Protein backbone atom coordinates (compact mmCIF):
# COMPACT_ATOMS: atom_id res chain seq x y z
CA MET A 1 -19.36 18.41 -7.25
CA PHE A 2 -15.61 18.80 -7.70
CA ASN A 3 -14.55 22.30 -8.72
CA THR A 4 -11.81 22.26 -11.36
CA ASP A 5 -12.30 25.83 -12.59
CA ASP A 6 -10.36 27.62 -9.84
CA THR A 7 -6.65 27.71 -9.03
CA ILE A 8 -5.33 25.72 -6.09
CA VAL A 9 -2.10 26.01 -4.09
CA ALA A 10 -0.33 23.86 -1.51
CA ILE A 11 3.07 22.94 -0.14
CA ALA A 12 4.14 19.82 -2.05
CA THR A 13 7.07 18.79 0.15
CA PRO A 14 6.85 17.05 3.56
CA PRO A 15 6.30 19.08 6.75
CA GLY A 16 9.42 20.22 8.57
CA ARG A 17 12.65 21.93 7.64
CA GLY A 18 14.81 21.06 4.66
CA GLY A 19 17.15 22.44 2.06
CA ILE A 20 14.33 22.98 -0.44
CA GLY A 21 10.57 23.26 -0.18
CA VAL A 22 8.17 23.28 -3.12
CA VAL A 23 4.90 25.18 -3.41
CA ARG A 24 2.64 24.03 -6.24
CA LEU A 25 0.00 26.04 -8.10
CA SER A 26 -2.49 24.50 -10.54
CA GLY A 27 -5.42 25.95 -12.41
CA PRO A 28 -6.37 28.52 -15.04
CA ASN A 29 -4.77 31.41 -13.12
CA ALA A 30 -1.61 29.62 -12.01
CA GLN A 31 0.58 31.60 -14.43
CA SER A 32 -0.92 35.00 -13.56
CA ILE A 33 -0.77 34.38 -9.79
CA ALA A 34 2.86 33.31 -10.06
CA GLY A 35 3.53 36.39 -12.18
CA ALA A 36 1.98 38.63 -9.53
CA LEU A 37 4.18 37.08 -6.82
CA LEU A 38 7.26 37.62 -9.00
CA GLY A 39 6.33 41.21 -9.86
CA ASN A 40 5.82 40.12 -13.48
CA ARG A 41 9.54 40.54 -14.00
CA ALA A 42 10.41 36.92 -14.70
CA GLN A 43 9.75 35.51 -18.14
CA LEU A 44 8.69 31.92 -17.49
CA LYS A 45 9.66 29.48 -20.19
CA PRO A 46 7.81 26.14 -20.21
CA ARG A 47 9.68 23.41 -18.31
CA THR A 48 12.66 25.67 -17.64
CA ALA A 49 13.76 26.62 -14.13
CA THR A 50 13.92 30.40 -13.71
CA LEU A 51 15.64 32.17 -10.81
CA ALA A 52 13.49 34.97 -9.44
CA THR A 53 12.72 36.98 -6.31
CA LEU A 54 9.30 36.35 -4.83
CA GLU A 55 7.59 39.30 -3.18
CA GLU A 56 4.21 40.81 -2.38
CA ILE A 57 2.88 44.30 -1.73
CA ALA A 58 2.96 45.21 1.97
CA SER A 59 0.38 47.38 3.75
CA ASP A 60 2.31 50.60 3.03
CA ASN A 61 2.33 49.76 -0.71
CA ASP A 62 5.99 48.86 -0.54
CA THR A 63 7.06 45.46 -1.77
CA GLU A 64 8.11 42.89 0.79
CA ARG A 65 10.53 40.24 -0.36
CA ILE A 66 9.75 36.69 0.73
CA ASP A 67 12.52 34.55 -0.78
CA GLN A 68 14.64 33.86 -3.81
CA VAL A 69 13.06 30.96 -5.68
CA LEU A 70 13.39 28.73 -8.72
CA VAL A 71 10.16 28.82 -10.72
CA THR A 72 9.16 26.14 -13.23
CA SER A 73 6.09 26.45 -15.45
CA PHE A 74 4.21 23.46 -16.88
CA PRO A 75 1.48 24.70 -19.27
CA GLY A 76 -1.53 22.44 -19.59
CA PRO A 77 -2.59 20.01 -20.85
CA ALA A 78 0.95 18.52 -20.74
CA SER A 79 1.27 18.80 -16.96
CA TYR A 80 0.69 16.58 -13.93
CA THR A 81 -2.85 17.84 -13.45
CA GLY A 82 -3.70 18.63 -17.08
CA ASP A 83 -4.10 22.31 -16.11
CA ASP A 84 -1.46 25.01 -16.02
CA VAL A 85 0.96 24.20 -13.19
CA VAL A 86 3.65 26.39 -11.63
CA GLU A 87 6.08 25.06 -9.02
CA LEU A 88 8.04 27.42 -6.76
CA SER A 89 11.18 25.88 -5.22
CA ALA A 90 12.14 27.93 -2.18
CA HIS A 91 14.30 27.47 0.89
CA GLY A 92 12.75 24.75 3.02
CA SER A 93 11.66 26.83 6.01
CA PRO A 94 8.04 26.23 7.09
CA VAL A 95 7.71 29.98 7.71
CA VAL A 96 8.85 30.84 4.19
CA LEU A 97 6.70 28.21 2.50
CA GLU A 98 3.62 29.22 4.49
CA ALA A 99 4.23 32.85 3.51
CA ILE A 100 4.32 31.85 -0.18
CA VAL A 101 1.06 29.92 0.15
CA LYS A 102 -0.68 32.84 1.92
CA ALA A 103 0.60 35.29 -0.70
CA ALA A 104 -0.76 33.05 -3.46
CA MET A 105 -4.13 32.82 -1.68
CA ARG A 106 -4.30 36.63 -1.38
CA SER A 107 -3.68 36.73 -5.13
CA GLY A 108 -6.67 34.48 -5.84
CA ALA A 109 -5.64 30.88 -5.24
CA ARG A 110 -7.48 28.43 -2.99
CA LEU A 111 -5.78 26.03 -0.56
CA ALA A 112 -5.85 22.57 -2.14
CA GLU A 113 -7.67 19.65 -0.55
CA PRO A 114 -5.82 16.35 0.08
CA GLY A 115 -4.98 14.69 -3.22
CA GLU A 116 -6.59 17.43 -5.28
CA PHE A 117 -3.69 17.80 -7.70
CA THR A 118 -3.82 14.07 -8.49
CA LEU A 119 -7.63 14.19 -8.61
CA ARG A 120 -7.46 16.87 -11.28
CA GLY A 121 -5.01 14.71 -13.22
CA PHE A 122 -7.59 11.90 -13.11
CA LEU A 123 -10.54 14.14 -14.02
CA ASN A 124 -8.56 15.62 -16.91
CA GLY A 125 -7.68 12.17 -18.25
CA ARG A 126 -3.97 12.32 -17.50
CA ILE A 127 -4.13 9.11 -15.43
CA ASP A 128 -6.79 6.53 -14.61
CA LEU A 129 -8.01 5.64 -11.13
CA VAL A 130 -5.62 2.70 -10.71
CA GLN A 131 -2.68 4.98 -11.47
CA ALA A 132 -4.02 7.66 -9.13
CA GLU A 133 -4.22 5.16 -6.27
CA ALA A 134 -0.68 4.04 -7.13
CA VAL A 135 0.52 7.59 -6.55
CA ALA A 136 -0.61 7.40 -2.91
CA ASP A 137 0.91 3.93 -2.53
CA LEU A 138 4.23 5.16 -3.94
CA VAL A 139 4.32 8.09 -1.52
CA ASP A 140 3.45 5.78 1.41
CA SER A 141 5.90 2.99 0.48
CA VAL A 142 8.47 2.08 3.14
CA THR A 143 10.33 -0.75 1.38
CA PRO A 144 11.94 -0.89 -2.08
CA LEU A 145 9.57 -3.67 -3.16
CA GLN A 146 6.51 -1.64 -2.13
CA ALA A 147 7.83 1.27 -4.17
CA ARG A 148 8.51 -0.97 -7.16
CA LEU A 149 5.01 -2.44 -7.23
CA ALA A 150 3.43 0.99 -6.79
CA TYR A 151 5.53 2.38 -9.64
CA ASP A 152 4.62 -0.56 -11.87
CA GLN A 153 0.94 0.30 -11.35
CA LEU A 154 1.66 4.00 -11.89
CA GLU A 155 3.23 3.07 -15.23
CA GLY A 156 -0.03 1.32 -16.12
CA THR A 157 0.82 -2.40 -15.96
CA LEU A 158 -2.44 -3.30 -14.21
CA SER A 159 -4.50 -0.77 -16.17
CA THR A 160 -3.20 -2.22 -19.45
CA GLU A 161 -4.21 -5.75 -18.44
CA ILE A 162 -7.67 -4.62 -17.25
CA ARG A 163 -8.24 -2.74 -20.52
CA ALA A 164 -7.15 -5.79 -22.55
CA ILE A 165 -9.64 -7.98 -20.68
CA ASP A 166 -12.32 -5.31 -21.13
CA THR A 167 -11.66 -5.15 -24.89
CA THR A 168 -12.06 -8.93 -25.23
CA LEU A 169 -15.23 -8.80 -23.18
CA PHE A 170 -16.58 -5.92 -25.28
CA ASP A 171 -16.07 -7.91 -28.49
CA LEU A 172 -17.95 -10.84 -26.98
CA ILE A 173 -20.80 -8.57 -25.86
CA ALA A 174 -20.98 -6.97 -29.31
CA GLY A 175 -21.41 -10.38 -30.94
CA LEU A 176 -24.17 -11.36 -28.50
CA GLU A 177 -25.97 -8.05 -29.04
CA ALA A 178 -25.83 -8.61 -32.79
CA SER A 179 -27.35 -12.07 -32.37
CA LEU A 180 -30.31 -10.50 -30.54
CA ASP A 181 -31.24 -8.73 -33.78
CA PHE A 182 -31.91 -12.16 -35.30
CA PRO A 183 -33.81 -14.01 -32.54
CA GLU A 184 -35.02 -16.69 -34.89
CA GLU A 185 -31.44 -17.73 -35.53
CA GLY A 186 -30.49 -18.19 -31.84
CA TYR A 187 -26.70 -17.82 -31.36
CA HIS A 188 -26.32 -16.64 -34.96
CA PHE A 189 -23.06 -14.73 -34.71
CA ILE A 190 -21.46 -16.67 -31.88
CA ASP A 191 -21.28 -20.43 -31.50
CA ARG A 192 -22.58 -21.55 -28.07
CA ARG A 193 -19.59 -23.75 -27.35
CA LYS A 194 -17.14 -21.06 -28.43
CA THR A 195 -19.01 -18.53 -26.30
CA VAL A 196 -18.50 -20.65 -23.18
CA THR A 197 -14.81 -21.07 -24.05
CA ALA A 198 -14.39 -17.31 -24.54
CA ILE A 199 -16.06 -16.50 -21.20
CA VAL A 200 -13.99 -19.11 -19.37
CA ASP A 201 -10.79 -17.71 -20.92
CA ILE A 202 -11.66 -14.20 -19.72
CA SER A 203 -12.47 -15.56 -16.25
CA ALA A 204 -9.12 -17.39 -16.21
CA ARG A 205 -7.27 -14.15 -16.96
CA ILE A 206 -8.99 -12.51 -14.01
CA SER A 207 -8.17 -15.53 -11.84
CA GLY A 208 -4.53 -15.08 -12.81
CA LEU A 209 -4.63 -11.51 -11.50
CA LEU A 210 -6.35 -12.61 -8.30
CA ALA A 211 -3.78 -15.35 -7.73
CA GLY A 212 -1.10 -12.74 -7.15
CA GLY A 213 -3.43 -10.64 -5.03
CA ARG A 214 -2.53 -12.20 -1.68
CA ARG A 215 1.17 -11.65 -2.30
CA GLY A 216 0.48 -8.08 -3.40
CA ARG A 217 -1.57 -7.33 -0.29
CA VAL A 218 1.15 -8.73 1.95
CA ILE A 219 3.67 -6.36 0.36
CA ARG A 220 1.34 -3.36 0.56
CA GLU A 221 -0.09 -3.90 4.04
CA GLY A 222 2.83 -5.65 5.76
CA ARG A 223 2.64 -8.28 8.47
CA GLN A 224 2.81 -8.45 12.27
CA VAL A 225 5.06 -10.91 14.12
CA ALA A 226 4.76 -11.47 17.87
CA ILE A 227 7.80 -12.73 19.82
CA ILE A 228 6.43 -15.04 22.52
CA GLY A 229 7.97 -17.14 25.28
CA SER A 230 8.55 -17.61 28.97
CA PRO A 231 10.57 -15.01 30.90
CA ASN A 232 14.31 -14.91 30.25
CA THR A 233 14.31 -17.09 27.15
CA GLY A 234 15.99 -14.32 25.13
CA LYS A 235 12.96 -12.81 23.40
CA SER A 236 14.24 -9.25 23.69
CA SER A 237 17.68 -10.29 22.43
CA ILE A 238 16.04 -11.92 19.40
CA PHE A 239 14.00 -8.74 18.90
CA ASN A 240 17.09 -6.49 19.11
CA GLY A 241 19.04 -8.79 16.81
CA LEU A 242 16.37 -8.69 14.10
CA VAL A 243 15.93 -4.93 14.46
CA GLY A 244 19.66 -4.32 14.46
CA ALA A 245 19.54 -2.00 17.48
CA GLY A 246 19.09 -2.21 21.24
CA ARG A 247 15.42 -1.21 21.25
CA ALA A 248 14.35 -3.55 24.06
CA ILE A 249 15.96 -3.70 27.50
CA VAL A 250 17.85 -6.95 28.10
CA THR A 251 18.79 -8.11 31.63
CA ASP A 252 19.18 -11.38 33.53
CA VAL A 253 16.13 -10.46 35.63
CA ALA A 254 13.06 -12.47 34.65
CA GLY A 255 10.11 -10.31 33.65
CA THR A 256 12.14 -7.28 32.48
CA THR A 257 9.75 -6.68 29.57
CA ARG A 258 6.37 -5.62 30.95
CA ASP A 259 4.81 -3.81 27.99
CA LEU A 260 4.78 -4.26 24.21
CA VAL A 261 7.84 -2.99 22.32
CA THR A 262 7.38 -2.62 18.56
CA GLU A 263 9.60 -1.91 15.59
CA THR A 264 9.14 -2.31 11.82
CA ILE A 265 11.77 -4.12 9.76
CA ASP A 266 12.11 -4.96 6.08
CA VAL A 267 11.84 -8.68 5.37
CA CYS A 268 12.51 -9.25 1.68
CA GLY A 269 10.54 -6.16 0.73
CA VAL A 270 7.67 -6.76 3.16
CA PRO A 271 7.31 -4.35 6.12
CA VAL A 272 7.12 -6.55 9.22
CA ARG A 273 6.02 -5.11 12.56
CA LEU A 274 7.90 -6.98 15.27
CA VAL A 275 6.31 -7.01 18.74
CA ASP A 276 8.39 -7.96 21.76
CA THR A 277 6.13 -9.14 24.56
CA ALA A 278 6.23 -9.88 28.27
CA GLY A 279 7.25 -13.37 29.31
CA ILE A 280 4.24 -15.65 29.69
CA ARG A 281 4.02 -17.15 33.15
CA ASP A 282 1.74 -17.30 36.20
CA THR A 283 2.43 -14.32 38.44
CA ASP A 284 0.85 -12.25 41.23
CA ASN A 285 2.47 -9.01 40.09
CA ALA A 286 -0.35 -6.78 38.78
CA VAL A 287 1.86 -5.05 36.20
CA GLU A 288 3.28 -8.32 34.92
CA VAL A 289 -0.22 -9.85 34.76
CA GLU A 290 -1.26 -7.01 32.45
CA GLY A 291 1.85 -7.59 30.33
CA VAL A 292 1.01 -11.28 29.97
CA LEU A 293 -2.56 -10.42 28.94
CA ARG A 294 -1.24 -8.05 26.27
CA ALA A 295 1.19 -10.70 25.05
CA ARG A 296 -1.64 -13.19 24.58
CA SER A 297 -3.78 -10.55 22.85
CA VAL A 298 -1.01 -9.77 20.35
CA MET A 299 -0.36 -13.48 19.79
CA ALA A 300 -4.04 -14.00 18.91
CA VAL A 301 -4.02 -11.41 16.11
CA ALA A 302 -0.44 -11.71 14.83
CA ASP A 303 0.21 -13.09 11.36
CA LEU A 304 3.04 -15.17 12.82
CA SER A 305 4.34 -15.94 16.32
CA LEU A 306 8.02 -16.53 17.08
CA LEU A 307 8.04 -18.96 20.02
CA VAL A 308 11.37 -18.56 21.81
CA PHE A 309 12.58 -21.41 24.05
CA ASP A 310 15.74 -21.54 26.16
CA GLN A 311 17.53 -24.79 25.30
CA SER A 312 19.98 -24.32 28.20
CA ARG A 313 17.28 -25.08 30.80
CA PRO A 314 14.99 -28.11 31.09
CA PHE A 315 11.83 -28.15 29.00
CA ASP A 316 9.07 -27.84 31.63
CA ASN A 317 5.27 -27.81 31.84
CA SER A 318 5.04 -24.07 31.10
CA ASP A 319 6.92 -24.64 27.82
CA LEU A 320 4.67 -27.55 26.95
CA GLN A 321 1.61 -25.46 27.77
CA LEU A 322 2.82 -22.70 25.45
CA LEU A 323 3.22 -25.22 22.62
CA GLU A 324 -0.33 -26.47 23.19
CA GLU A 325 -1.74 -22.95 23.51
CA THR A 326 -0.29 -21.93 20.13
CA SER A 327 -1.02 -25.17 18.27
CA SER A 328 -3.72 -23.51 16.18
CA TYR A 329 -1.63 -20.41 15.41
CA ARG A 330 0.84 -19.86 12.63
CA ARG A 331 4.19 -20.06 14.38
CA LEU A 332 7.94 -20.38 14.04
CA ILE A 333 9.93 -22.02 16.86
CA VAL A 334 13.28 -20.60 17.95
CA ALA A 335 15.59 -22.73 20.13
CA ASN A 336 17.71 -19.97 21.65
CA LYS A 337 20.96 -19.82 23.70
CA GLY A 338 22.79 -22.40 21.63
CA ASP A 339 26.09 -21.20 23.10
CA LEU A 340 25.18 -22.78 26.46
CA PRO A 341 25.12 -26.51 27.34
CA LEU A 342 21.98 -28.25 26.09
CA ALA A 343 19.61 -29.11 28.96
CA TRP A 344 16.99 -30.98 26.93
CA SER A 345 17.17 -34.74 27.43
CA SER A 346 15.24 -35.29 24.21
CA ASP A 347 13.90 -33.24 21.31
CA PRO A 348 10.66 -31.62 22.60
CA PHE A 349 9.49 -30.75 19.07
CA THR A 350 9.37 -34.21 17.48
CA ALA A 351 5.59 -34.07 17.17
CA VAL A 352 5.54 -30.41 16.11
CA SER A 353 5.12 -29.60 12.44
CA SER A 354 6.27 -25.98 12.76
CA ARG A 355 9.60 -24.82 11.36
CA ILE A 356 12.41 -24.83 13.98
CA VAL A 357 15.44 -22.53 13.98
CA LYS A 358 18.42 -22.77 16.36
CA ALA A 359 19.95 -19.46 17.38
CA THR A 360 22.17 -17.63 19.82
CA ALA A 361 20.84 -14.09 19.96
CA THR A 362 23.67 -12.70 22.11
CA THR A 363 26.28 -13.61 19.48
CA GLU A 364 23.87 -13.22 16.52
CA ALA A 365 24.55 -16.82 15.53
CA GLY A 366 21.53 -18.21 13.74
CA LEU A 367 19.93 -14.80 13.20
CA GLU A 368 20.50 -15.01 9.45
CA ALA A 369 18.82 -18.43 9.42
CA LEU A 370 15.98 -16.88 11.42
CA ARG A 371 15.60 -14.08 8.88
CA GLU A 372 15.50 -16.65 6.08
CA ALA A 373 12.85 -18.62 7.98
CA LEU A 374 10.79 -15.44 8.46
CA THR A 375 11.06 -14.77 4.74
CA ALA A 376 9.88 -18.28 3.92
CA GLU A 377 6.93 -18.00 6.31
CA LEU A 378 5.80 -14.50 5.36
CA VAL A 379 6.91 -13.96 1.79
CA ALA A 380 6.14 -16.02 -1.27
CA GLU A 381 8.06 -15.65 -4.50
CA GLU A 382 8.78 -12.10 -5.67
CA PRO A 383 6.30 -10.75 -8.26
CA ARG A 384 7.51 -10.90 -11.83
CA ARG A 385 8.01 -7.66 -13.73
CA ASP A 386 5.87 -8.89 -16.62
CA SER A 387 2.90 -9.73 -14.38
CA PRO A 388 0.89 -6.95 -12.71
CA ALA A 389 0.68 -7.51 -8.96
CA ILE A 390 -2.57 -6.36 -7.37
CA THR A 391 -2.04 -4.72 -3.98
CA ASN A 392 -5.31 -2.84 -3.52
CA THR A 393 -8.26 -4.43 -1.70
CA ARG A 394 -10.74 -2.44 -3.81
CA HIS A 395 -9.31 -3.91 -6.99
CA LEU A 396 -9.37 -7.44 -5.58
CA ASP A 397 -13.00 -7.16 -4.46
CA LEU A 398 -14.11 -5.82 -7.84
CA LEU A 399 -12.22 -8.53 -9.73
CA GLU A 400 -13.88 -11.20 -7.54
CA ARG A 401 -17.28 -9.73 -8.41
CA ALA A 402 -16.46 -9.57 -12.12
CA ARG A 403 -15.34 -13.20 -12.11
CA GLY A 404 -18.59 -14.17 -10.39
CA GLU A 405 -20.63 -12.50 -13.15
CA LEU A 406 -18.56 -14.27 -15.81
CA ASP A 407 -19.04 -17.64 -14.14
CA ARG A 408 -22.80 -17.06 -14.07
CA ALA A 409 -22.74 -16.11 -17.74
CA ALA A 410 -20.82 -19.28 -18.68
CA GLN A 411 -23.31 -21.36 -16.72
CA ALA A 412 -26.22 -19.62 -18.44
CA VAL A 413 -24.81 -20.36 -21.90
CA SER A 414 -24.19 -24.01 -20.98
CA THR A 415 -27.82 -24.42 -19.86
CA GLU A 416 -29.09 -22.76 -23.07
CA ILE A 417 -30.61 -19.75 -21.32
CA SER A 418 -31.56 -16.90 -23.65
CA GLU A 419 -28.85 -14.50 -24.79
CA GLU A 420 -30.52 -11.59 -22.92
CA PHE A 421 -29.64 -13.12 -19.55
CA VAL A 422 -26.10 -13.98 -20.64
CA LEU A 423 -25.69 -10.48 -22.00
CA ALA A 424 -26.83 -8.95 -18.70
CA ASP A 425 -24.21 -10.94 -16.78
CA LEU A 426 -21.45 -9.94 -19.18
CA GLN A 427 -22.45 -6.27 -19.13
CA ARG A 428 -22.37 -6.27 -15.33
CA ALA A 429 -18.89 -7.83 -15.44
CA ARG A 430 -17.73 -5.11 -17.83
CA ALA A 431 -19.23 -2.36 -15.67
CA ILE A 432 -17.31 -3.73 -12.69
CA LEU A 433 -14.03 -3.69 -14.64
CA GLU A 434 -14.70 -0.05 -15.54
CA GLU A 435 -15.06 0.74 -11.83
CA ILE A 436 -11.47 -0.41 -11.29
CA THR A 437 -9.97 2.05 -13.79
CA GLY A 438 -12.48 4.80 -13.00
CA GLN A 439 -14.32 4.83 -16.32
CA ARG A 440 -17.43 4.29 -14.23
CA THR A 441 -17.30 5.74 -10.73
CA THR A 442 -19.11 7.92 -8.18
CA GLU A 443 -18.20 11.16 -6.47
CA ASP A 444 -18.38 9.47 -3.05
CA LEU A 445 -15.82 6.88 -4.14
CA LEU A 446 -13.47 9.54 -5.47
CA GLN A 447 -13.74 11.52 -2.25
CA HIS A 448 -13.00 8.35 -0.26
CA ILE A 449 -9.94 7.48 -2.34
CA PHE A 450 -8.38 10.95 -2.55
CA SER A 451 -9.08 11.95 1.05
CA ARG A 452 -6.24 9.68 2.19
CA PHE A 453 -3.69 11.53 0.02
CA CYS A 454 -1.40 14.12 1.52
CA ILE A 455 -2.09 17.80 0.79
CA GLY A 456 0.09 18.96 -2.08
CA LYS A 457 -0.18 15.69 -3.98
């Protein structure tokens, strides 16, 4: 069982050195422990920063000063966790912050587990489970769009929609339960046809949420793009151009890239992991053979492959073989080296349905068109502010299950099955919705969710 009766402490700022570091206390003894560290000299006013000297008693009963800090008190229940919270803002030295944590632990605090502050906020009813998960997503966000969607969920946009659907479903269930008290009347309180319509409407609202789920998952999880081609087609130059830095070595020597080179870029709010690969060709060089194998492995699992061709040299059998090999993959074709004379006697892509972009990586000509093509391939329209975007796989799976129960209920009503069976389907759908927001959950699930949080949050 989760223990919420003791006082926990942790460093709330990222590891490393900085101008400021924050140590957070939460629990019934947060105020008294902070008072002990401050020598009970500072009068802490709620939500007011107080300058104080933090110290503890040394072994010779003399006081040992640790640091000068700004202390802010947040009395419960109007705090992040719902308990009393005290935050100590000190100089951002790991040594100083660790000393504050150890002093607090000697005064009675316990080191917090990952996500335990947010967990207490959930257990104390400050936030629901969707909002708690959004906290972790907001901390982990690497693009502005990821942060925006996470903050929207933290504000409760998805929770509000789930609760609205749940309320409608509850009203429908209440009417069916009332009709069971008058079995001789059949569907006494609810017309059968209207019941089907009501269930279908609820299912449609869930379908609307699921429709934006793929887009939301793309934003949350990102995508992987493999840059593929024969040696010396300009793959590494394309890679460097998209990254905006010389991450990959570029030379005139064929086969310069032997291993995978990766970098993450922001494509219209979606984190995209670019992978520069070895040139695909037949070779007896053992190192290059391994590089080609890795290139093909990445190509097989990538969300999109950029096939780079050199239009300044004749289109040969190896190029044709690459087109055939990737015919079943999602791909984007780049005709590179447009600054050199064209060596293709005819368009080799006339029978290819993939999008084609012409570029000159060395001069960055066409790179903007390539970025736009990447956006079109990887990113659908941006989520609207007034529509909650689902980014969490757990939420999507539960909504799929809830919709399945509703569809079964609608079918049962249409075939004139007794209300008891319809009611069971609807109650299961409602229980599933409550799992999303955490009204109905298990300790194992909570441990799984909060274990991926950072300590101090």
